[in-house]
Amino acid sequence: MDTLVLSHAFEPVARVTWQRAVTLLFAGKVEVLEEYEDRTVRSITLALKVPSIVRFLRGVRARRPAVKFSRENVYARDGGRCQYCGARVARAEATWDHVVPRSQGGRTGWDNIVIACVRCNQRKGGRTPAQAGMTLRSVPVKPARLPDAVRFTFVFANDAPPSWRQWVQSWRYWNAALEEEEA
């Protein structure tokens, strides 16, 4: 049983164990927004409903971590545009393409993945852009940082409590870190 943690600005930032949420509560760092109605923790002198959603009372200084390799971040790096024809691609319709196909030794990583529309991805198939007679609009590289205007999409996970629904919609698919293959 986990607890959803929101920033002071009501944005989802983490999913922690209920024990960690209670520790943050007793430390005075969070407030409880919702509780599990059917879950109670008891001690000799105290009965406490298990928190379902907590919110930080103060802003937490965010350090800038390295940009993780995820579908959302590749989409942001490429500006939501097909890297072959330049057409704007809706997030739900975007495909990611291995510039050098895996069948030809291409790796899955920042320097070999681009966003492509379905038409261009199918046209290119299992060939390199040169073999398919196509050109890349930009060379794929690992970005040092992403644009500040990146919009994150959240997905409601099947194992998440119903009380989280208003806070989380499409998180796992777009923001989960993807494994990069070693060269």
N, C-alpha and C. Protein backbone atom coordinates (compact mmCIF):
# COMPACT_ATOMS: atom_id res chain seq x y z
N MET A 1 0.86 -1.16 0.00
CA MET A 1 0.00 0.00 0.00
C MET A 1 0.91 1.23 0.00
N ASP A 2 0.78 2.05 -1.01
CA ASP A 2 1.65 3.21 -1.18
C ASP A 2 0.88 4.50 -0.97
N THR A 3 1.64 5.58 -0.90
CA THR A 3 1.09 6.92 -0.73
C THR A 3 1.62 7.79 -1.86
N LEU A 4 0.73 8.56 -2.46
CA LEU A 4 1.11 9.51 -3.51
C LEU A 4 1.58 10.79 -2.82
N VAL A 5 2.74 11.30 -3.25
CA VAL A 5 3.29 12.53 -2.69
C VAL A 5 3.17 13.63 -3.73
N LEU A 6 2.58 14.75 -3.33
CA LEU A 6 2.44 15.91 -4.20
C LEU A 6 3.39 17.01 -3.74
N SER A 7 3.83 17.83 -4.68
CA SER A 7 4.64 18.98 -4.32
C SER A 7 3.75 20.00 -3.62
N HIS A 8 4.35 21.07 -3.12
CA HIS A 8 3.55 22.12 -2.49
C HIS A 8 2.59 22.75 -3.50
N ALA A 9 2.88 22.59 -4.80
CA ALA A 9 2.03 23.13 -5.86
C ALA A 9 1.04 22.10 -6.40
N PHE A 10 0.85 20.99 -5.66
CA PHE A 10 -0.10 19.94 -5.99
C PHE A 10 0.24 19.17 -7.26
N GLU A 11 1.52 19.01 -7.54
CA GLU A 11 1.96 18.21 -8.69
C GLU A 11 2.50 16.88 -8.18
N PRO A 12 2.17 15.75 -8.81
CA PRO A 12 2.71 14.47 -8.36
C PRO A 12 4.23 14.44 -8.48
N VAL A 13 4.90 14.04 -7.40
CA VAL A 13 6.36 13.98 -7.44
C VAL A 13 6.91 12.61 -7.07
N ALA A 14 6.14 11.81 -6.33
CA ALA A 14 6.68 10.52 -5.92
C ALA A 14 5.56 9.59 -5.45
N ARG A 15 5.93 8.34 -5.37
CA ARG A 15 5.08 7.31 -4.80
C ARG A 15 5.94 6.65 -3.73
N VAL A 16 5.53 6.76 -2.47
CA VAL A 16 6.33 6.23 -1.36
C VAL A 16 5.51 5.23 -0.56
N THR A 17 6.19 4.47 0.30
CA THR A 17 5.48 3.55 1.17
C THR A 17 4.69 4.34 2.20
N TRP A 18 3.67 3.73 2.76
CA TRP A 18 2.87 4.43 3.77
C TRP A 18 3.73 4.74 5.00
N GLN A 19 4.73 3.89 5.28
CA GLN A 19 5.60 4.15 6.42
C GLN A 19 6.41 5.43 6.22
N ARG A 20 6.92 5.64 5.01
CA ARG A 20 7.67 6.86 4.71
C ARG A 20 6.75 8.08 4.80
N ALA A 21 5.51 7.94 4.34
CA ALA A 21 4.54 9.04 4.41
C ALA A 21 4.26 9.41 5.86
N VAL A 22 4.11 8.43 6.73
CA VAL A 22 3.86 8.70 8.15
C VAL A 22 5.09 9.38 8.77
N THR A 23 6.28 8.95 8.39
CA THR A 23 7.51 9.59 8.88
C THR A 23 7.55 11.06 8.47
N LEU A 24 7.22 11.35 7.22
CA LEU A 24 7.19 12.75 6.74
C LEU A 24 6.12 13.55 7.49
N LEU A 25 5.00 12.92 7.79
CA LEU A 25 3.91 13.58 8.52
C LEU A 25 4.36 13.96 9.93
N PHE A 26 4.96 13.02 10.64
CA PHE A 26 5.42 13.30 12.01
C PHE A 26 6.59 14.27 12.03
N ALA A 27 7.33 14.37 10.94
CA ALA A 27 8.42 15.34 10.85
C ALA A 27 7.90 16.74 10.52
N GLY A 28 6.60 16.84 10.24
CA GLY A 28 6.00 18.14 9.94
C GLY A 28 6.27 18.63 8.53
N LYS A 29 6.65 17.73 7.64
CA LYS A 29 7.00 18.14 6.27
C LYS A 29 5.84 18.06 5.30
N VAL A 30 4.82 17.25 5.64
CA VAL A 30 3.69 17.07 4.73
C VAL A 30 2.38 17.21 5.48
N GLU A 31 1.33 17.42 4.70
CA GLU A 31 -0.02 17.37 5.24
C GLU A 31 -0.77 16.25 4.52
N VAL A 32 -1.73 15.66 5.19
CA VAL A 32 -2.51 14.57 4.60
C VAL A 32 -3.69 15.18 3.86
N LEU A 33 -3.83 14.83 2.58
CA LEU A 33 -4.96 15.29 1.79
C LEU A 33 -6.07 14.25 1.75
N GLU A 34 -5.68 12.97 1.66
CA GLU A 34 -6.67 11.89 1.65
C GLU A 34 -6.10 10.70 2.40
N GLU A 35 -7.02 9.90 2.95
CA GLU A 35 -6.63 8.71 3.71
C GLU A 35 -7.33 7.50 3.14
N TYR A 36 -6.75 6.32 3.39
CA TYR A 36 -7.43 5.07 3.07
C TYR A 36 -8.49 4.86 4.15
N GLU A 37 -9.73 4.72 3.76
CA GLU A 37 -10.81 4.56 4.73
C GLU A 37 -10.73 3.22 5.45
N ASP A 38 -10.24 2.19 4.78
CA ASP A 38 -10.25 0.85 5.35
C ASP A 38 -8.91 0.42 5.95
N ARG A 39 -7.95 1.33 6.05
CA ARG A 39 -6.62 0.99 6.58
C ARG A 39 -6.28 1.90 7.77
N THR A 40 -5.97 1.27 8.89
CA THR A 40 -5.60 2.02 10.08
C THR A 40 -4.35 1.39 10.68
N VAL A 41 -3.45 2.24 11.15
CA VAL A 41 -2.25 1.79 11.84
C VAL A 41 -2.45 2.12 13.31
N ARG A 42 -2.16 1.15 14.17
CA ARG A 42 -2.38 1.36 15.60
C ARG A 42 -1.09 1.15 16.39
N SER A 43 -0.95 1.99 17.40
CA SER A 43 0.10 1.77 18.40
C SER A 43 -0.61 1.68 19.74
N ILE A 44 0.13 1.65 20.82
CA ILE A 44 -0.49 1.55 22.14
C ILE A 44 -1.35 2.77 22.44
N THR A 45 -0.87 3.95 22.00
CA THR A 45 -1.56 5.20 22.35
C THR A 45 -2.21 5.92 21.17
N LEU A 46 -2.07 5.39 19.96
CA LEU A 46 -2.50 6.15 18.79
C LEU A 46 -3.10 5.24 17.73
N ALA A 47 -4.15 5.70 17.10
CA ALA A 47 -4.72 5.05 15.92
C ALA A 47 -4.71 6.08 14.80
N LEU A 48 -4.14 5.71 13.67
CA LEU A 48 -3.96 6.65 12.56
C LEU A 48 -4.40 6.00 11.27
N LYS A 49 -5.26 6.70 10.52
CA LYS A 49 -5.64 6.19 9.19
C LYS A 49 -4.43 6.36 8.27
N VAL A 50 -4.19 5.36 7.44
CA VAL A 50 -3.03 5.37 6.54
C VAL A 50 -3.26 6.43 5.46
N PRO A 51 -2.30 7.34 5.26
CA PRO A 51 -2.47 8.38 4.24
C PRO A 51 -2.42 7.81 2.82
N SER A 52 -3.34 8.26 1.99
CA SER A 52 -3.37 7.88 0.58
C SER A 52 -2.64 8.93 -0.26
N ILE A 53 -2.85 10.21 0.09
CA ILE A 53 -2.21 11.31 -0.63
C ILE A 53 -1.70 12.32 0.40
N VAL A 54 -0.44 12.72 0.27
CA VAL A 54 0.13 13.77 1.12
C VAL A 54 0.72 14.85 0.22
N ARG A 55 0.88 16.04 0.81
CA ARG A 55 1.44 17.18 0.06
C ARG A 55 2.51 17.85 0.90
N PHE A 56 3.65 18.14 0.26
CA PHE A 56 4.70 18.88 0.95
C PHE A 56 4.18 20.26 1.32
N LEU A 57 4.51 20.72 2.52
CA LEU A 57 4.07 22.02 2.98
C LEU A 57 4.90 23.15 2.39
N ARG A 58 6.17 22.87 2.12
CA ARG A 58 7.06 23.87 1.52
C ARG A 58 7.64 23.33 0.24
N GLY A 59 8.10 24.25 -0.58
CA GLY A 59 8.75 23.84 -1.82
C GLY A 59 10.04 23.10 -1.53
N VAL A 60 10.30 22.10 -2.31
CA VAL A 60 11.54 21.35 -2.18
C VAL A 60 12.46 21.81 -3.29
N ARG A 61 13.67 22.18 -2.92
CA ARG A 61 14.60 22.65 -3.93
C ARG A 61 14.92 21.50 -4.87
N ALA A 62 14.58 21.68 -6.09
CA ALA A 62 14.80 20.62 -7.08
C ALA A 62 16.20 20.74 -7.66
N ARG A 63 16.94 19.67 -7.59
CA ARG A 63 18.23 19.66 -8.27
C ARG A 63 17.98 19.17 -9.68
N ARG A 64 18.77 19.60 -10.58
CA ARG A 64 18.58 19.19 -11.96
C ARG A 64 19.29 17.88 -12.21
N PRO A 65 18.50 16.79 -12.23
CA PRO A 65 19.14 15.50 -12.49
C PRO A 65 19.48 15.38 -13.97
N ALA A 66 20.27 14.38 -14.28
CA ALA A 66 20.58 14.12 -15.69
C ALA A 66 19.26 13.81 -16.40
N VAL A 67 19.17 14.19 -17.64
CA VAL A 67 17.97 13.94 -18.41
C VAL A 67 17.86 12.45 -18.67
N LYS A 68 16.78 11.84 -18.17
CA LYS A 68 16.64 10.40 -18.36
C LYS A 68 16.11 10.09 -19.75
N PHE A 69 16.47 8.93 -20.22
CA PHE A 69 16.05 8.46 -21.54
C PHE A 69 14.65 7.89 -21.42
N SER A 70 13.65 8.63 -21.91
CA SER A 70 12.26 8.19 -21.86
C SER A 70 11.55 8.67 -23.12
N ARG A 71 10.41 8.08 -23.40
CA ARG A 71 9.64 8.49 -24.58
C ARG A 71 9.28 9.97 -24.53
N GLU A 72 8.84 10.43 -23.34
CA GLU A 72 8.47 11.83 -23.17
C GLU A 72 9.65 12.75 -23.48
N ASN A 73 10.84 12.39 -22.99
CA ASN A 73 12.00 13.25 -23.19
C ASN A 73 12.51 13.22 -24.63
N VAL A 74 12.41 12.08 -25.30
CA VAL A 74 12.76 12.03 -26.72
C VAL A 74 11.78 12.90 -27.52
N TYR A 75 10.50 12.80 -27.16
CA TYR A 75 9.47 13.61 -27.82
C TYR A 75 9.76 15.10 -27.60
N ALA A 76 10.14 15.47 -26.38
CA ALA A 76 10.45 16.88 -26.08
C ALA A 76 11.70 17.33 -26.82
N ARG A 77 12.73 16.49 -26.83
CA ARG A 77 13.97 16.85 -27.53
C ARG A 77 13.70 17.13 -29.00
N ASP A 78 12.84 16.31 -29.62
CA ASP A 78 12.55 16.47 -31.04
C ASP A 78 11.43 17.47 -31.31
N GLY A 79 10.94 18.12 -30.28
CA GLY A 79 9.93 19.16 -30.46
C GLY A 79 8.61 18.65 -30.97
N GLY A 80 8.33 17.36 -30.78
CA GLY A 80 7.05 16.80 -31.23
C GLY A 80 6.92 16.74 -32.74
N ARG A 81 8.04 16.75 -33.44
CA ARG A 81 8.02 16.73 -34.91
C ARG A 81 8.71 15.49 -35.43
N CYS A 82 8.19 14.97 -36.53
CA CYS A 82 8.81 13.84 -37.22
C CYS A 82 10.18 14.31 -37.70
N GLN A 83 11.21 13.55 -37.41
CA GLN A 83 12.57 13.94 -37.78
C GLN A 83 12.91 13.62 -39.23
N TYR A 84 11.94 13.11 -39.98
CA TYR A 84 12.14 12.85 -41.40
C TYR A 84 11.37 13.85 -42.27
N CYS A 85 10.07 14.03 -42.00
CA CYS A 85 9.29 14.95 -42.84
C CYS A 85 9.01 16.29 -42.17
N GLY A 86 9.24 16.38 -40.86
CA GLY A 86 9.04 17.64 -40.15
C GLY A 86 7.62 17.90 -39.70
N ALA A 87 6.70 16.97 -39.96
CA ALA A 87 5.30 17.16 -39.57
C ALA A 87 5.15 17.08 -38.05
N ARG A 88 4.26 17.89 -37.50
CA ARG A 88 3.96 17.80 -36.08
C ARG A 88 3.24 16.48 -35.83
N VAL A 89 3.66 15.77 -34.80
CA VAL A 89 3.10 14.46 -34.49
C VAL A 89 2.49 14.53 -33.10
N ALA A 90 1.22 14.17 -32.99
CA ALA A 90 0.57 14.12 -31.68
C ALA A 90 1.27 13.07 -30.83
N ARG A 91 1.37 13.33 -29.54
CA ARG A 91 2.08 12.43 -28.63
C ARG A 91 1.57 11.00 -28.75
N ALA A 92 0.26 10.83 -28.84
CA ALA A 92 -0.33 9.48 -28.90
C ALA A 92 -0.03 8.78 -30.21
N GLU A 93 0.29 9.53 -31.26
CA GLU A 93 0.54 8.94 -32.57
C GLU A 93 2.03 8.87 -32.92
N ALA A 94 2.86 9.36 -32.02
CA ALA A 94 4.30 9.38 -32.28
C ALA A 94 4.88 7.98 -32.16
N THR A 95 5.77 7.66 -33.07
CA THR A 95 6.52 6.41 -32.97
C THR A 95 7.97 6.79 -32.81
N TRP A 96 8.75 5.92 -32.24
CA TRP A 96 10.17 6.22 -32.18
C TRP A 96 10.90 5.26 -33.09
N ASP A 97 11.88 5.81 -33.76
CA ASP A 97 12.57 5.08 -34.82
C ASP A 97 14.05 4.96 -34.49
N HIS A 98 14.57 3.76 -34.70
CA HIS A 98 16.02 3.56 -34.60
C HIS A 98 16.63 4.06 -35.91
N VAL A 99 17.46 5.09 -35.86
CA VAL A 99 18.07 5.64 -37.06
C VAL A 99 18.85 4.53 -37.77
N VAL A 100 19.74 3.87 -37.05
CA VAL A 100 20.39 2.67 -37.55
C VAL A 100 19.59 1.52 -36.95
N PRO A 101 18.89 0.74 -37.77
CA PRO A 101 18.02 -0.32 -37.24
C PRO A 101 18.78 -1.31 -36.36
N ARG A 102 18.09 -1.87 -35.41
CA ARG A 102 18.71 -2.85 -34.52
C ARG A 102 19.21 -4.05 -35.32
N SER A 103 18.51 -4.38 -36.41
CA SER A 103 18.93 -5.51 -37.24
C SER A 103 20.29 -5.26 -37.90
N GLN A 104 20.70 -3.97 -37.95
CA GLN A 104 21.99 -3.62 -38.53
C GLN A 104 22.98 -3.16 -37.46
N GLY A 105 22.70 -3.52 -36.22
CA GLY A 105 23.63 -3.20 -35.13
C GLY A 105 23.34 -1.90 -34.42
N GLY A 106 22.23 -1.24 -34.73
CA GLY A 106 21.89 0.01 -34.05
C GLY A 106 21.50 -0.24 -32.60
N ARG A 107 21.84 0.68 -31.74
CA ARG A 107 21.56 0.58 -30.31
C ARG A 107 20.36 1.43 -29.95
N THR A 108 19.75 1.12 -28.81
CA THR A 108 18.65 1.93 -28.30
C THR A 108 19.24 2.93 -27.31
N GLY A 109 19.26 4.19 -27.70
CA GLY A 109 19.83 5.23 -26.86
C GLY A 109 19.58 6.59 -27.47
N TRP A 110 19.98 7.63 -26.76
CA TRP A 110 19.76 9.00 -27.21
C TRP A 110 20.27 9.27 -28.63
N ASP A 111 21.42 8.69 -28.98
CA ASP A 111 22.05 9.02 -30.25
C ASP A 111 21.54 8.19 -31.42
N ASN A 112 20.54 7.31 -31.20
CA ASN A 112 20.04 6.50 -32.30
C ASN A 112 18.52 6.44 -32.36
N ILE A 113 17.81 7.19 -31.51
CA ILE A 113 16.35 7.18 -31.48
C ILE A 113 15.84 8.57 -31.83
N VAL A 114 14.84 8.61 -32.73
CA VAL A 114 14.17 9.87 -33.07
C VAL A 114 12.66 9.63 -33.11
N ILE A 115 11.91 10.71 -33.03
CA ILE A 115 10.46 10.65 -33.19
C ILE A 115 10.15 10.67 -34.68
N ALA A 116 9.22 9.81 -35.08
CA ALA A 116 8.82 9.76 -36.49
C ALA A 116 7.30 9.58 -36.57
N CYS A 117 6.72 10.11 -37.63
CA CYS A 117 5.30 9.84 -37.86
C CYS A 117 5.19 8.40 -38.37
N VAL A 118 4.01 7.85 -38.29
CA VAL A 118 3.82 6.45 -38.69
C VAL A 118 4.19 6.25 -40.16
N ARG A 119 3.80 7.19 -41.01
CA ARG A 119 4.07 7.07 -42.45
C ARG A 119 5.57 6.99 -42.74
N CYS A 120 6.34 7.88 -42.15
CA CYS A 120 7.79 7.88 -42.38
C CYS A 120 8.45 6.66 -41.76
N ASN A 121 8.00 6.26 -40.59
CA ASN A 121 8.59 5.09 -39.94
C ASN A 121 8.35 3.84 -40.78
N GLN A 122 7.16 3.71 -41.35
CA GLN A 122 6.87 2.55 -42.20
C GLN A 122 7.64 2.63 -43.51
N ARG A 123 7.77 3.83 -44.06
CA ARG A 123 8.50 4.00 -45.31
C ARG A 123 9.98 3.64 -45.13
N LYS A 124 10.55 4.04 -44.00
CA LYS A 124 11.95 3.76 -43.73
C LYS A 124 12.16 2.27 -43.46
N GLY A 125 11.23 1.66 -42.73
CA GLY A 125 11.32 0.23 -42.45
C GLY A 125 12.60 -0.12 -41.71
N GLY A 126 13.19 -1.24 -42.05
CA GLY A 126 14.40 -1.72 -41.40
C GLY A 126 15.67 -1.27 -42.09
N ARG A 127 15.63 -0.05 -42.65
CA ARG A 127 16.81 0.47 -43.36
C ARG A 127 17.32 1.72 -42.68
N THR A 128 18.52 2.11 -43.03
CA THR A 128 19.05 3.39 -42.54
C THR A 128 18.39 4.49 -43.38
N PRO A 129 18.43 5.73 -42.91
CA PRO A 129 17.86 6.81 -43.72
C PRO A 129 18.48 6.89 -45.12
N ALA A 130 19.79 6.67 -45.24
CA ALA A 130 20.44 6.72 -46.55
C ALA A 130 19.92 5.61 -47.45
N GLN A 131 19.77 4.41 -46.91
CA GLN A 131 19.26 3.29 -47.69
C GLN A 131 17.82 3.53 -48.14
N ALA A 132 17.05 4.26 -47.33
CA ALA A 132 15.65 4.53 -47.66
C ALA A 132 15.48 5.81 -48.47
N GLY A 133 16.57 6.52 -48.73
CA GLY A 133 16.50 7.77 -49.48
C GLY A 133 15.85 8.89 -48.67
N MET A 134 16.05 8.87 -47.35
CA MET A 134 15.47 9.88 -46.47
C MET A 134 16.59 10.61 -45.74
N THR A 135 16.30 11.82 -45.30
CA THR A 135 17.30 12.57 -44.53
C THR A 135 16.73 12.96 -43.17
N LEU A 136 17.59 12.97 -42.18
CA LEU A 136 17.20 13.39 -40.84
C LEU A 136 17.21 14.92 -40.77
N ARG A 137 16.27 15.49 -40.08
CA ARG A 137 16.22 16.94 -39.90
C ARG A 137 17.26 17.42 -38.89
N SER A 138 17.58 16.54 -37.91
CA SER A 138 18.61 16.89 -36.94
C SER A 138 19.28 15.61 -36.46
N VAL A 139 20.51 15.73 -36.03
CA VAL A 139 21.26 14.58 -35.54
C VAL A 139 20.81 14.31 -34.10
N PRO A 140 20.42 13.09 -33.79
CA PRO A 140 19.98 12.80 -32.43
C PRO A 140 21.15 12.78 -31.44
N VAL A 141 21.01 13.54 -30.36
CA VAL A 141 22.03 13.60 -29.31
C VAL A 141 21.34 13.61 -27.95
N LYS A 142 22.09 13.28 -26.91
CA LYS A 142 21.56 13.37 -25.56
C LYS A 142 21.55 14.84 -25.17
N PRO A 143 20.37 15.38 -24.82
CA PRO A 143 20.32 16.81 -24.46
C PRO A 143 20.88 17.05 -23.07
N ALA A 144 21.50 18.20 -22.88
CA ALA A 144 22.00 18.56 -21.55
C ALA A 144 20.83 18.90 -20.64
N ARG A 145 19.80 19.49 -21.23
CA ARG A 145 18.56 19.80 -20.52
C ARG A 145 17.43 19.89 -21.53
N LEU A 146 16.22 19.84 -21.04
CA LEU A 146 15.05 19.90 -21.90
C LEU A 146 14.39 21.27 -21.78
N PRO A 147 13.56 21.64 -22.77
CA PRO A 147 12.85 22.92 -22.66
C PRO A 147 12.03 22.98 -21.39
N ASP A 148 11.94 24.16 -20.77
CA ASP A 148 11.18 24.32 -19.53
C ASP A 148 9.69 24.13 -19.74
N ALA A 149 9.23 24.25 -20.98
CA ALA A 149 7.80 24.16 -21.26
C ALA A 149 7.34 22.73 -21.55
N VAL A 150 8.14 21.75 -21.16
CA VAL A 150 7.74 20.36 -21.40
C VAL A 150 6.48 20.07 -20.62
N ARG A 151 5.49 19.47 -21.27
CA ARG A 151 4.26 19.10 -20.59
C ARG A 151 4.29 17.62 -20.35
N PHE A 152 4.15 17.23 -19.09
CA PHE A 152 4.17 15.82 -18.76
C PHE A 152 2.75 15.27 -18.73
N THR A 153 2.60 14.09 -19.24
CA THR A 153 1.32 13.41 -19.26
C THR A 153 1.36 12.31 -18.21
N PHE A 154 0.32 12.20 -17.42
CA PHE A 154 0.27 11.18 -16.39
C PHE A 154 -0.84 10.19 -16.68
N VAL A 155 -0.58 8.92 -16.45
CA VAL A 155 -1.55 7.85 -16.68
C VAL A 155 -1.94 7.22 -15.35
N PHE A 156 -3.21 6.91 -15.19
CA PHE A 156 -3.67 6.25 -13.98
C PHE A 156 -3.31 4.78 -14.06
N ALA A 157 -2.48 4.32 -13.14
CA ALA A 157 -2.03 2.93 -13.12
C ALA A 157 -3.11 2.04 -12.51
N ASN A 158 -3.20 0.80 -12.99
CA ASN A 158 -4.22 -0.12 -12.50
C ASN A 158 -4.10 -0.43 -11.03
N ASP A 159 -2.88 -0.44 -10.49
CA ASP A 159 -2.70 -0.78 -9.09
C ASP A 159 -2.78 0.44 -8.17
N ALA A 160 -3.04 1.61 -8.71
CA ALA A 160 -3.12 2.82 -7.90
C ALA A 160 -4.52 2.94 -7.30
N PRO A 161 -4.60 3.50 -6.09
CA PRO A 161 -5.91 3.67 -5.45
C PRO A 161 -6.78 4.66 -6.23
N PRO A 162 -8.09 4.50 -6.17
CA PRO A 162 -8.99 5.41 -6.89
C PRO A 162 -8.82 6.88 -6.48
N SER A 163 -8.40 7.14 -5.24
CA SER A 163 -8.25 8.52 -4.79
C SER A 163 -7.15 9.26 -5.54
N TRP A 164 -6.25 8.52 -6.19
CA TRP A 164 -5.17 9.16 -6.94
C TRP A 164 -5.62 9.61 -8.33
N ARG A 165 -6.77 9.16 -8.77
CA ARG A 165 -7.20 9.37 -10.16
C ARG A 165 -7.12 10.83 -10.59
N GLN A 166 -7.54 11.77 -9.75
CA GLN A 166 -7.52 13.18 -10.16
C GLN A 166 -6.11 13.74 -10.26
N TRP A 167 -5.13 13.08 -9.66
CA TRP A 167 -3.76 13.59 -9.66
C TRP A 167 -2.89 12.93 -10.71
N VAL A 168 -3.20 11.70 -11.06
CA VAL A 168 -2.33 10.93 -11.94
C VAL A 168 -3.14 10.38 -13.11
N GLN A 169 -2.63 10.56 -14.35
CA GLN A 169 -3.35 10.03 -15.50
C GLN A 169 -2.50 9.18 -16.43
N SER A 170 -1.32 9.60 -16.79
CA SER A 170 -0.55 8.84 -17.77
C SER A 170 0.94 8.85 -17.47
N TRP A 171 1.32 8.51 -16.29
CA TRP A 171 2.69 8.71 -15.84
C TRP A 171 3.64 7.62 -16.29
N ARG A 172 3.28 6.38 -16.09
CA ARG A 172 4.22 5.28 -16.33
C ARG A 172 4.72 5.23 -17.77
N TYR A 173 3.84 5.28 -18.74
CA TYR A 173 4.25 5.09 -20.12
C TYR A 173 5.24 6.17 -20.57
N TRP A 174 4.92 7.43 -20.29
CA TRP A 174 5.72 8.52 -20.82
C TRP A 174 6.95 8.83 -19.99
N ASN A 175 6.93 8.58 -18.69
CA ASN A 175 8.03 9.03 -17.85
C ASN A 175 8.91 7.95 -17.29
N ALA A 176 8.57 6.71 -17.51
CA ALA A 176 9.43 5.64 -17.01
C ALA A 176 10.75 5.67 -17.78
N ALA A 177 11.83 5.51 -17.06
CA ALA A 177 13.14 5.49 -17.70
C ALA A 177 13.25 4.25 -18.58
N LEU A 178 13.79 4.43 -19.76
CA LEU A 178 13.98 3.33 -20.69
C LEU A 178 15.43 2.87 -20.60
N GLU A 179 15.65 1.63 -20.87
CA GLU A 179 17.01 1.10 -20.81
C GLU A 179 17.76 1.43 -22.09
N GLU A 180 18.94 2.00 -21.91
CA GLU A 180 19.80 2.25 -23.06
C GLU A 180 20.71 1.04 -23.23
N GLU A 181 20.93 0.65 -24.47
CA GLU A 181 21.83 -0.44 -24.75
C GLU A 181 23.25 0.08 -24.80
N GLU A 182 24.15 -0.68 -24.24
CA GLU A 182 25.57 -0.29 -24.24
C GLU A 182 26.15 -0.49 -25.63
N ALA A 183 27.07 0.35 -26.00
CA ALA A 183 27.69 0.26 -27.33
C ALA A 183 28.68 -0.86 -27.39
